[in-house]
Amino acid sequence: MAKRISNHEFKSNTMPAIVTVGPVAILSLFLVVAPLALVAIMSFCQTDEFYNVVYKFTAINYSKLLSPDYIKIYGQSLLIALITTVLCVLIGYPFAYVIARTKSHKKKLFYMLVIIPFWTNSLIRIYGWRTFLGSSGWLNMLLLNLGLVDEPVEFLYKTGTTVLGMVYCFIPFMVLPLYTAIEKLDGSLLEASSDLGAKPYKTLFEVIIPLTSGGIFSGCIMVFIPCLGYFFVSNILGGGNTDMIGNLIERQFKSANNWPLGAALSIILILVTLILVKIYQNLGGDMDSLGV
């Protein structure tokens, strides 16, 4: 016969959970759910002649997103995010492998080199790159003093400079999940591969990379998605010549004062994020590694 739970026992079991989870749930409701709901509602609104938001239902904001000018920026954003992600993998994987397989005290030093950039605001660091790459910056002064150039080189306001800034900002987000995946790698598998006569490059592509593919995909998600919305990097280093989706959203909320269109762009970016995270989950990825 099933044991009946008294009201006193029910309250004693549920009250600690309510007290613990309740404040977090309320904060999430007001700071996450409510703002997202407001953005979703605003994306279906209009603006009057004074650019005030009018809460009158319309789907015109989403139809405007199909403009050829916007589609060009979407493609440019995806291309820059893809290049940034690929470069972060190519640069971050060897570095993460060295950190994970190092047994000496240098392991902590290498790990700290990845963490240190988080101690400083990324906006300040990007301004540092602008100063370094400017026409009167250290790099141009060095080239002039060495006689390699006759006049300052314009490094700024190019797509390559924007990609450089993106890689610099996001390389730690690639290294950390790669480091976690590689550190869990069973060393006996590498020894077995070597004993069976596999060359190092075969061990890399047939053993190491497949076993750490979860960390690679996790890092790609953590780099690719935020890269689409990092508008200040292209503003500072690209000079507006390499607009991203984040630049469109910023422009609609500020200079254009078209909040409903900016909200529609934000919803699309959120949907892209959810789709990519769902793909990652279906492939068996660990949601904890994404902070979800």
C-alpha atoms as a PDB file:
ATOM      1  CA  MET A   1       0.000   0.000   0.000  1.00  0.00           C
ATOM      2  CA  ALA A   2       1.401   3.375  -1.008  1.00  0.00           C
ATOM      3  CA  LYS A   3       2.477   5.559   1.849  1.00  0.00           C
ATOM      4  CA  ARG A   4       0.501   8.785   2.152  1.00  0.00           C
ATOM      5  CA  ILE A   5       2.476  11.998   2.552  1.00  0.00           C
ATOM      6  CA  SER A   6       1.132  14.369   5.153  1.00  0.00           C
ATOM      7  CA  ASN A   7       0.849  18.120   4.583  1.00  0.00           C
ATOM      8  CA  HIS A   8       3.571  18.677   7.141  1.00  0.00           C
ATOM      9  CA  GLU A   9       5.979  16.313   5.339  1.00  0.00           C
ATOM     10  CA  PHE A  10       5.092  17.874   1.966  1.00  0.00           C
ATOM     11  CA  LYS A  11       5.825  21.384   3.256  1.00  0.00           C
ATOM     12  CA  SER A  12       9.049  20.276   4.934  1.00  0.00           C
ATOM     13  CA  ASN A  13      10.256  18.775   1.641  1.00  0.00           C
ATOM     14  CA  THR A  14       9.190  21.573  -0.702  1.00  0.00           C
ATOM     15  CA  MET A  15       9.909  24.674   1.378  1.00  0.00           C
ATOM     16  CA  PRO A  16      13.739  24.363   1.206  1.00  0.00           C
ATOM     17  CA  ALA A  17      13.518  23.947  -2.575  1.00  0.00           C
ATOM     18  CA  ILE A  18      11.217  26.955  -2.908  1.00  0.00           C
ATOM     19  CA  VAL A  19      13.442  29.101  -0.710  1.00  0.00           C
ATOM     20  CA  THR A  20      16.532  28.056  -2.670  1.00  0.00           C
ATOM     21  CA  VAL A  21      15.172  28.145  -6.229  1.00  0.00           C
ATOM     22  CA  GLY A  22      12.477  30.793  -5.796  1.00  0.00           C
ATOM     23  CA  PRO A  23      14.677  33.931  -5.812  1.00  0.00           C
ATOM     24  CA  VAL A  24      16.637  32.664  -8.823  1.00  0.00           C
ATOM     25  CA  ALA A  25      13.428  31.868 -10.689  1.00  0.00           C
ATOM     26  CA  ILE A  26      12.009  35.322  -9.949  1.00  0.00           C
ATOM     27  CA  LEU A  27      15.227  37.030 -11.090  1.00  0.00           C
ATOM     28  CA  SER A  28      15.273  34.946 -14.275  1.00  0.00           C
ATOM     29  CA  LEU A  29      11.652  35.855 -14.920  1.00  0.00           C
ATOM     30  CA  PHE A  30      12.241  39.604 -14.629  1.00  0.00           C
ATOM     31  CA  LEU A  31      15.768  39.815 -16.070  1.00  0.00           C
ATOM     32  CA  VAL A  32      15.593  37.204 -18.861  1.00  0.00           C
ATOM     33  CA  VAL A  33      12.074  36.099 -19.757  1.00  0.00           C
ATOM     34  CA  ALA A  34      10.364  39.497 -19.479  1.00  0.00           C
ATOM     35  CA  PRO A  35      12.944  41.419 -21.601  1.00  0.00           C
ATOM     36  CA  LEU A  36      12.914  38.699 -24.287  1.00  0.00           C
ATOM     37  CA  ALA A  37       9.117  38.756 -24.349  1.00  0.00           C
ATOM     38  CA  LEU A  38       9.176  42.547 -24.701  1.00  0.00           C
ATOM     39  CA  VAL A  39      11.646  42.322 -27.605  1.00  0.00           C
ATOM     40  CA  ALA A  40       9.482  39.673 -29.304  1.00  0.00           C
ATOM     41  CA  ILE A  41       6.347  41.821 -28.937  1.00  0.00           C
ATOM     42  CA  MET A  42       8.153  44.947 -30.108  1.00  0.00           C
ATOM     43  CA  SER A  43       9.353  43.163 -33.250  1.00  0.00           C
ATOM     44  CA  PHE A  44       5.716  43.113 -34.429  1.00  0.00           C
ATOM     45  CA  CYS A  45       5.121  46.808 -33.676  1.00  0.00           C
ATOM     46  CA  GLN A  46       5.357  49.972 -35.785  1.00  0.00           C
ATOM     47  CA  THR A  47       6.786  53.473 -35.399  1.00  0.00           C
ATOM     48  CA  ASP A  48       4.947  56.750 -35.961  1.00  0.00           C
ATOM     49  CA  GLU A  49       6.265  59.876 -37.682  1.00  0.00           C
ATOM     50  CA  PHE A  50       8.102  60.843 -34.481  1.00  0.00           C
ATOM     51  CA  TYR A  51       9.790  57.404 -34.252  1.00  0.00           C
ATOM     52  CA  ASN A  52       7.760  56.435 -31.211  1.00  0.00           C
ATOM     53  CA  VAL A  53       6.881  52.753 -30.870  1.00  0.00           C
ATOM     54  CA  VAL A  54       3.244  52.092 -31.678  1.00  0.00           C
ATOM     55  CA  TYR A  55       1.927  48.775 -30.343  1.00  0.00           C
ATOM     56  CA  LYS A  56      -0.015  47.878 -33.463  1.00  0.00           C
ATOM     57  CA  PHE A  57       0.539  44.412 -34.920  1.00  0.00           C
ATOM     58  CA  THR A  58       2.434  44.186 -38.211  1.00  0.00           C
ATOM     59  CA  ALA A  59       4.846  41.761 -39.879  1.00  0.00           C
ATOM     60  CA  ILE A  60       6.490  44.435 -42.020  1.00  0.00           C
ATOM     61  CA  ASN A  61       9.644  44.444 -39.882  1.00  0.00           C
ATOM     62  CA  TYR A  62      10.367  40.823 -40.781  1.00  0.00           C
ATOM     63  CA  SER A  63       9.670  41.469 -44.461  1.00  0.00           C
ATOM     64  CA  LYS A  64      12.232  44.292 -44.385  1.00  0.00           C
ATOM     65  CA  LEU A  65      14.854  41.768 -43.292  1.00  0.00           C
ATOM     66  CA  LEU A  66      14.752  40.312 -46.809  1.00  0.00           C
ATOM     67  CA  SER A  67      16.179  43.527 -48.280  1.00  0.00           C
ATOM     68  CA  PRO A  68      19.193  42.863 -50.591  1.00  0.00           C
ATOM     69  CA  ASP A  69      21.328  45.258 -48.521  1.00  0.00           C
ATOM     70  CA  TYR A  70      20.559  43.330 -45.360  1.00  0.00           C
ATOM     71  CA  ILE A  71      21.105  39.963 -47.039  1.00  0.00           C
ATOM     72  CA  LYS A  72      24.559  41.160 -48.101  1.00  0.00           C
ATOM     73  CA  ILE A  73      25.377  41.990 -44.480  1.00  0.00           C
ATOM     74  CA  TYR A  74      24.050  38.593 -43.339  1.00  0.00           C
ATOM     75  CA  GLY A  75      26.393  36.864 -45.768  1.00  0.00           C
ATOM     76  CA  GLN A  76      29.309  39.063 -44.723  1.00  0.00           C
ATOM     77  CA  SER A  77      28.581  38.361 -41.045  1.00  0.00           C
ATOM     78  CA  LEU A  78      28.444  34.616 -41.585  1.00  0.00           C
ATOM     79  CA  LEU A  79      31.667  34.701 -43.616  1.00  0.00           C
ATOM     80  CA  ILE A  80      33.570  36.689 -40.982  1.00  0.00           C
ATOM     81  CA  ALA A  81      32.199  34.474 -38.188  1.00  0.00           C
ATOM     82  CA  LEU A  82      33.173  31.343 -40.145  1.00  0.00           C
ATOM     83  CA  ILE A  83      36.713  32.592 -40.866  1.00  0.00           C
ATOM     84  CA  THR A  84      37.108  33.630 -37.227  1.00  0.00           C
ATOM     85  CA  THR A  85      35.937  30.217 -36.027  1.00  0.00           C
ATOM     86  CA  VAL A  86      38.264  28.312 -38.377  1.00  0.00           C
ATOM     87  CA  LEU A  87      41.262  30.445 -37.369  1.00  0.00           C
ATOM     88  CA  CYS A  88      40.432  30.001 -33.680  1.00  0.00           C
ATOM     89  CA  VAL A  89      40.383  26.216 -34.170  1.00  0.00           C
ATOM     90  CA  LEU A  90      43.683  26.201 -36.090  1.00  0.00           C
ATOM     91  CA  ILE A  91      45.392  28.433 -33.517  1.00  0.00           C
ATOM     92  CA  GLY A  92      43.652  27.209 -30.376  1.00  0.00           C
ATOM     93  CA  TYR A  93      43.865  23.449 -30.893  1.00  0.00           C
ATOM     94  CA  PRO A  94      47.705  23.176 -30.807  1.00  0.00           C
ATOM     95  CA  PHE A  95      47.855  25.573 -27.867  1.00  0.00           C
ATOM     96  CA  ALA A  96      45.156  23.660 -25.959  1.00  0.00           C
ATOM     97  CA  TYR A  97      46.922  20.373 -26.730  1.00  0.00           C
ATOM     98  CA  VAL A  98      50.220  21.686 -25.358  1.00  0.00           C
ATOM     99  CA  ILE A  99      48.507  22.896 -22.174  1.00  0.00           C
ATOM    100  CA  ALA A 100      46.576  19.666 -21.641  1.00  0.00           C
ATOM    101  CA  ARG A 101      49.524  17.319 -22.245  1.00  0.00           C
ATOM    102  CA  THR A 102      52.104  19.363 -20.317  1.00  0.00           C
ATOM    103  CA  LYS A 103      52.984  17.735 -16.990  1.00  0.00           C
ATOM    104  CA  SER A 104      55.346  20.346 -15.589  1.00  0.00           C
ATOM    105  CA  HIS A 105      54.619  23.505 -13.597  1.00  0.00           C
ATOM    106  CA  LYS A 106      54.406  25.410 -16.889  1.00  0.00           C
ATOM    107  CA  LYS A 107      50.896  24.034 -17.330  1.00  0.00           C
ATOM    108  CA  LYS A 108      49.518  26.580 -14.858  1.00  0.00           C
ATOM    109  CA  LEU A 109      51.446  29.354 -16.591  1.00  0.00           C
ATOM    110  CA  PHE A 110      50.029  28.432 -20.000  1.00  0.00           C
ATOM    111  CA  TYR A 111      46.540  28.175 -18.556  1.00  0.00           C
ATOM    112  CA  MET A 112      46.885  31.622 -16.972  1.00  0.00           C
ATOM    113  CA  LEU A 113      47.872  33.068 -20.353  1.00  0.00           C
ATOM    114  CA  VAL A 114      44.424  32.017 -21.590  1.00  0.00           C
ATOM    115  CA  ILE A 115      42.581  33.393 -18.552  1.00  0.00           C
ATOM    116  CA  ILE A 116      44.396  36.750 -18.245  1.00  0.00           C
ATOM    117  CA  PRO A 117      42.563  38.451 -21.177  1.00  0.00           C
ATOM    118  CA  PHE A 118      39.299  38.034 -19.232  1.00  0.00           C
ATOM    119  CA  TRP A 119      40.702  40.351 -16.563  1.00  0.00           C
ATOM    120  CA  THR A 120      40.477  43.322 -18.917  1.00  0.00           C
ATOM    121  CA  ASN A 121      37.455  44.629 -20.782  1.00  0.00           C
ATOM    122  CA  SER A 122      37.499  43.507 -24.416  1.00  0.00           C
ATOM    123  CA  LEU A 123      36.577  47.007 -25.598  1.00  0.00           C
ATOM    124  CA  ILE A 124      39.758  48.417 -24.044  1.00  0.00           C
ATOM    125  CA  ARG A 125      41.860  45.668 -25.615  1.00  0.00           C
ATOM    126  CA  ILE A 126      40.375  46.346 -29.071  1.00  0.00           C
ATOM    127  CA  TYR A 127      41.216  50.041 -28.693  1.00  0.00           C
ATOM    128  CA  GLY A 128      44.746  48.888 -27.890  1.00  0.00           C
ATOM    129  CA  TRP A 129      44.869  47.065 -31.226  1.00  0.00           C
ATOM    130  CA  ARG A 130      43.620  50.217 -32.956  1.00  0.00           C
ATOM    131  CA  THR A 131      46.442  52.212 -31.405  1.00  0.00           C
ATOM    132  CA  PHE A 132      48.985  49.528 -32.298  1.00  0.00           C
ATOM    133  CA  LEU A 133      47.845  49.247 -35.932  1.00  0.00           C
ATOM    134  CA  GLY A 134      47.173  52.963 -36.530  1.00  0.00           C
ATOM    135  CA  SER A 135      49.129  55.081 -38.998  1.00  0.00           C
ATOM    136  CA  SER A 136      51.164  56.505 -36.091  1.00  0.00           C
ATOM    137  CA  GLY A 137      51.097  53.279 -34.085  1.00  0.00           C
ATOM    138  CA  TRP A 138      53.955  51.078 -32.929  1.00  0.00           C
ATOM    139  CA  LEU A 139      53.772  48.712 -35.890  1.00  0.00           C
ATOM    140  CA  ASN A 140      54.072  51.472 -38.473  1.00  0.00           C
ATOM    141  CA  MET A 141      56.828  53.169 -36.492  1.00  0.00           C
ATOM    142  CA  LEU A 142      58.765  49.900 -36.420  1.00  0.00           C
ATOM    143  CA  LEU A 143      58.359  49.358 -40.156  1.00  0.00           C
ATOM    144  CA  LEU A 144      59.451  52.931 -40.889  1.00  0.00           C
ATOM    145  CA  ASN A 145      62.482  52.725 -38.598  1.00  0.00           C
ATOM    146  CA  LEU A 146      63.551  49.462 -40.213  1.00  0.00           C
ATOM    147  CA  GLY A 147      63.200  51.017 -43.657  1.00  0.00           C
ATOM    148  CA  LEU A 148      60.706  48.375 -44.787  1.00  0.00           C
ATOM    149  CA  VAL A 149      58.162  51.006 -45.892  1.00  0.00           C
ATOM    150  CA  ASP A 150      58.450  54.619 -47.038  1.00  0.00           C
ATOM    151  CA  GLU A 151      55.156  55.772 -45.563  1.00  0.00           C
ATOM    152  CA  PRO A 152      52.706  54.460 -42.956  1.00  0.00           C
ATOM    153  CA  VAL A 153      50.634  51.463 -44.032  1.00  0.00           C
ATOM    154  CA  GLU A 154      46.862  51.608 -43.553  1.00  0.00           C
ATOM    155  CA  PHE A 155      46.143  48.447 -41.567  1.00  0.00           C
ATOM    156  CA  LEU A 156      42.818  49.602 -40.154  1.00  0.00           C
ATOM    157  CA  TYR A 157      39.339  49.640 -41.683  1.00  0.00           C
ATOM    158  CA  LYS A 158      39.708  46.364 -43.565  1.00  0.00           C
ATOM    159  CA  THR A 159      37.967  43.012 -43.309  1.00  0.00           C
ATOM    160  CA  GLY A 160      41.221  41.321 -42.322  1.00  0.00           C
ATOM    161  CA  THR A 161      41.655  43.710 -39.401  1.00  0.00           C
ATOM    162  CA  THR A 162      38.132  42.960 -38.203  1.00  0.00           C
ATOM    163  CA  VAL A 163      38.857  39.225 -38.372  1.00  0.00           C
ATOM    164  CA  LEU A 164      42.078  39.817 -36.408  1.00  0.00           C
ATOM    165  CA  GLY A 165      40.130  41.577 -33.670  1.00  0.00           C
ATOM    166  CA  MET A 166      37.505  38.834 -33.583  1.00  0.00           C
ATOM    167  CA  VAL A 167      40.112  36.072 -33.324  1.00  0.00           C
ATOM    168  CA  TYR A 168      41.882  37.968 -30.556  1.00  0.00           C
ATOM    169  CA  CYS A 169      38.630  38.351 -28.578  1.00  0.00           C
ATOM    170  CA  PHE A 170      37.369  34.793 -29.014  1.00  0.00           C
ATOM    171  CA  ILE A 171      40.498  32.622 -28.942  1.00  0.00           C
ATOM    172  CA  PRO A 172      40.117  31.970 -25.172  1.00  0.00           C
ATOM    173  CA  PHE A 173      36.544  30.721 -25.755  1.00  0.00           C
ATOM    174  CA  MET A 174      37.957  28.160 -28.182  1.00  0.00           C
ATOM    175  CA  VAL A 175      40.949  27.103 -26.095  1.00  0.00           C
ATOM    176  CA  LEU A 176      39.052  26.392 -22.862  1.00  0.00           C
ATOM    177  CA  PRO A 177      36.603  23.730 -24.190  1.00  0.00           C
ATOM    178  CA  LEU A 178      39.400  22.223 -26.301  1.00  0.00           C
ATOM    179  CA  TYR A 179      41.614  22.019 -23.235  1.00  0.00           C
ATOM    180  CA  THR A 180      38.853  20.258 -21.283  1.00  0.00           C
ATOM    181  CA  ALA A 181      38.280  17.719 -24.068  1.00  0.00           C
ATOM    182  CA  ILE A 182      41.975  17.010 -24.663  1.00  0.00           C
ATOM    183  CA  GLU A 183      42.749  16.685 -20.946  1.00  0.00           C
ATOM    184  CA  LYS A 184      40.159  13.876 -20.702  1.00  0.00           C
ATOM    185  CA  LEU A 185      41.855  12.021 -23.550  1.00  0.00           C
ATOM    186  CA  ASP A 186      43.133   8.602 -22.479  1.00  0.00           C
ATOM    187  CA  GLY A 187      46.901   8.546 -23.019  1.00  0.00           C
ATOM    188  CA  SER A 188      46.904   4.763 -23.409  1.00  0.00           C
ATOM    189  CA  LEU A 189      44.999   5.175 -26.695  1.00  0.00           C
ATOM    190  CA  LEU A 190      47.809   7.300 -28.078  1.00  0.00           C
ATOM    191  CA  GLU A 191      50.376   4.723 -26.965  1.00  0.00           C
ATOM    192  CA  ALA A 192      48.332   1.937 -28.555  1.00  0.00           C
ATOM    193  CA  SER A 193      48.124   3.878 -31.817  1.00  0.00           C
ATOM    194  CA  SER A 194      51.886   4.348 -31.791  1.00  0.00           C
ATOM    195  CA  ASP A 195      52.535   0.688 -30.939  1.00  0.00           C
ATOM    196  CA  LEU A 196      50.363  -0.389 -33.872  1.00  0.00           C
ATOM    197  CA  GLY A 197      52.590   1.581 -36.217  1.00  0.00           C
ATOM    198  CA  ALA A 198      50.392   4.624 -36.852  1.00  0.00           C
ATOM    199  CA  LYS A 199      52.292   7.717 -37.858  1.00  0.00           C
ATOM    200  CA  PRO A 200      51.763  10.896 -35.770  1.00  0.00           C
ATOM    201  CA  TYR A 201      49.520  12.558 -38.359  1.00  0.00           C
ATOM    202  CA  LYS A 202      47.327   9.427 -38.530  1.00  0.00           C
ATOM    203  CA  THR A 203      47.068   9.373 -34.759  1.00  0.00           C
ATOM    204  CA  LEU A 204      46.044  13.026 -34.872  1.00  0.00           C
ATOM    205  CA  PHE A 205      43.334  12.657 -37.506  1.00  0.00           C
ATOM    206  CA  GLU A 206      42.066   9.172 -36.629  1.00  0.00           C
ATOM    207  CA  VAL A 207      42.341   9.118 -32.838  1.00  0.00           C
ATOM    208  CA  ILE A 208      42.861  12.518 -31.219  1.00  0.00           C
ATOM    209  CA  ILE A 209      40.537  14.710 -33.299  1.00  0.00           C
ATOM    210  CA  PRO A 210      37.588  12.239 -33.351  1.00  0.00           C
ATOM    211  CA  LEU A 211      37.817  11.759 -29.572  1.00  0.00           C
ATOM    212  CA  THR A 212      37.946  15.540 -28.980  1.00  0.00           C
ATOM    213  CA  SER A 213      35.320  16.473 -31.575  1.00  0.00           C
ATOM    214  CA  GLY A 214      32.889  17.439 -28.802  1.00  0.00           C
ATOM    215  CA  GLY A 215      35.309  20.086 -27.541  1.00  0.00           C
ATOM    216  CA  ILE A 216      35.889  21.337 -31.096  1.00  0.00           C
ATOM    217  CA  PHE A 217      32.177  21.738 -31.786  1.00  0.00           C
ATOM    218  CA  SER A 218      31.578  23.301 -28.385  1.00  0.00           C
ATOM    219  CA  GLY A 219      34.328  25.841 -29.037  1.00  0.00           C
ATOM    220  CA  CYS A 220      32.948  26.560 -32.521  1.00  0.00           C
ATOM    221  CA  ILE A 221      29.510  27.309 -31.074  1.00  0.00           C
ATOM    222  CA  MET A 222      31.003  29.569 -28.387  1.00  0.00           C
ATOM    223  CA  VAL A 223      32.935  31.515 -31.030  1.00  0.00           C
ATOM    224  CA  PHE A 224      30.592  31.556 -34.029  1.00  0.00           C
ATOM    225  CA  ILE A 225      27.415  32.744 -32.289  1.00  0.00           C
ATOM    226  CA  PRO A 226      28.814  35.708 -30.283  1.00  0.00           C
ATOM    227  CA  CYS A 227      30.904  36.742 -33.296  1.00  0.00           C
ATOM    228  CA  LEU A 228      27.710  37.639 -35.173  1.00  0.00           C
ATOM    229  CA  GLY A 229      26.773  40.192 -32.514  1.00  0.00           C
ATOM    230  CA  TYR A 230      30.161  41.737 -31.643  1.00  0.00           C
ATOM    231  CA  PHE A 231      29.461  45.077 -33.305  1.00  0.00           C
ATOM    232  CA  PHE A 232      32.156  47.141 -31.563  1.00  0.00           C
ATOM    233  CA  VAL A 233      35.034  45.186 -33.126  1.00  0.00           C
ATOM    234  CA  SER A 234      33.952  46.029 -36.661  1.00  0.00           C
ATOM    235  CA  ASN A 235      33.152  49.602 -35.575  1.00  0.00           C
ATOM    236  CA  ILE A 236      36.616  50.205 -34.105  1.00  0.00           C
ATOM    237  CA  LEU A 237      38.860  48.149 -36.384  1.00  0.00           C
ATOM    238  CA  GLY A 238      36.687  47.927 -39.491  1.00  0.00           C
ATOM    239  CA  GLY A 239      35.529  51.527 -39.490  1.00  0.00           C
ATOM    240  CA  GLY A 240      32.027  50.514 -40.576  1.00  0.00           C
ATOM    241  CA  ASN A 241      33.348  48.859 -43.752  1.00  0.00           C
ATOM    242  CA  THR A 242      32.636  45.356 -42.434  1.00  0.00           C
ATOM    243  CA  ASP A 243      29.189  45.523 -40.888  1.00  0.00           C
ATOM    244  CA  MET A 244      27.952  42.558 -38.887  1.00  0.00           C
ATOM    245  CA  ILE A 245      24.426  41.651 -37.805  1.00  0.00           C
ATOM    246  CA  GLY A 246      25.247  43.224 -34.451  1.00  0.00           C
ATOM    247  CA  ASN A 247      26.008  46.520 -36.224  1.00  0.00           C
ATOM    248  CA  LEU A 248      22.563  46.451 -37.844  1.00  0.00           C
ATOM    249  CA  ILE A 249      20.889  45.917 -34.480  1.00  0.00           C
ATOM    250  CA  GLU A 250      22.927  48.668 -32.819  1.00  0.00           C
ATOM    251  CA  ARG A 251      22.178  51.097 -35.656  1.00  0.00           C
ATOM    252  CA  GLN A 252      18.418  50.495 -35.496  1.00  0.00           C
ATOM    253  CA  PHE A 253      18.293  51.100 -31.744  1.00  0.00           C
ATOM    254  CA  LYS A 254      20.535  54.186 -31.842  1.00  0.00           C
ATOM    255  CA  SER A 255      20.959  56.284 -34.971  1.00  0.00           C
ATOM    256  CA  ALA A 256      17.949  54.989 -36.969  1.00  0.00           C
ATOM    257  CA  ASN A 257      15.722  54.970 -33.850  1.00  0.00           C
ATOM    258  CA  ASN A 258      13.709  52.072 -35.307  1.00  0.00           C
ATOM    259  CA  TRP A 259      13.346  49.837 -32.287  1.00  0.00           C
ATOM    260  CA  PRO A 260      10.831  47.387 -33.820  1.00  0.00           C
ATOM    261  CA  LEU A 261      13.176  46.597 -36.730  1.00  0.00           C
ATOM    262  CA  GLY A 262      16.088  46.223 -34.303  1.00  0.00           C
ATOM    263  CA  ALA A 263      13.942  43.898 -32.193  1.00  0.00           C
ATOM    264  CA  ALA A 264      13.120  41.794 -35.274  1.00  0.00           C
ATOM    265  CA  LEU A 265      16.827  41.487 -36.088  1.00  0.00           C
ATOM    266  CA  SER A 266      17.492  40.469 -32.474  1.00  0.00           C
ATOM    267  CA  ILE A 267      14.824  37.763 -32.615  1.00  0.00           C
ATOM    268  CA  ILE A 268      16.354  36.343 -35.796  1.00  0.00           C
ATOM    269  CA  LEU A 269      19.783  36.265 -34.128  1.00  0.00           C
ATOM    270  CA  ILE A 270      18.288  34.507 -31.102  1.00  0.00           C
ATOM    271  CA  LEU A 271      16.623  31.925 -33.371  1.00  0.00           C
ATOM    272  CA  VAL A 272      19.926  31.262 -35.151  1.00  0.00           C
ATOM    273  CA  THR A 273      21.542  30.745 -31.741  1.00  0.00           C
ATOM    274  CA  LEU A 274      18.842  28.306 -30.616  1.00  0.00           C
ATOM    275  CA  ILE A 275      19.077  26.325 -33.860  1.00  0.00           C
ATOM    276  CA  LEU A 276      22.851  25.951 -33.567  1.00  0.00           C
ATOM    277  CA  VAL A 277      22.607  24.956 -29.901  1.00  0.00           C
ATOM    278  CA  LYS A 278      19.891  22.399 -30.768  1.00  0.00           C
ATOM    279  CA  ILE A 279      22.119  20.928 -33.497  1.00  0.00           C
ATOM    280  CA  TYR A 280      24.942  20.692 -30.954  1.00  0.00           C
ATOM    281  CA  GLN A 281      22.612  18.954 -28.496  1.00  0.00           C
ATOM    282  CA  ASN A 282      21.371  16.469 -31.123  1.00  0.00           C
ATOM    283  CA  LEU A 283      24.973  15.581 -31.941  1.00  0.00           C
ATOM    284  CA  GLY A 284      25.441  14.549 -28.344  1.00  0.00           C
ATOM    285  CA  GLY A 285      27.172  17.672 -27.084  1.00  0.00           C
ATOM    286  CA  ASP A 286      27.406  18.455 -23.390  1.00  0.00           C
ATOM    287  CA  MET A 287      25.193  21.477 -22.662  1.00  0.00           C
ATOM    288  CA  ASP A 288      27.156  22.224 -19.487  1.00  0.00           C
ATOM    289  CA  SER A 289      30.208  23.058 -21.627  1.00  0.00           C
ATOM    290  CA  LEU A 290      28.174  25.845 -23.243  1.00  0.00           C
ATOM    291  CA  GLY A 291      26.965  27.164 -19.931  1.00  0.00           C
ATOM    292  CA  VAL A 292      23.369  26.188 -20.812  1.00  0.00           C
END
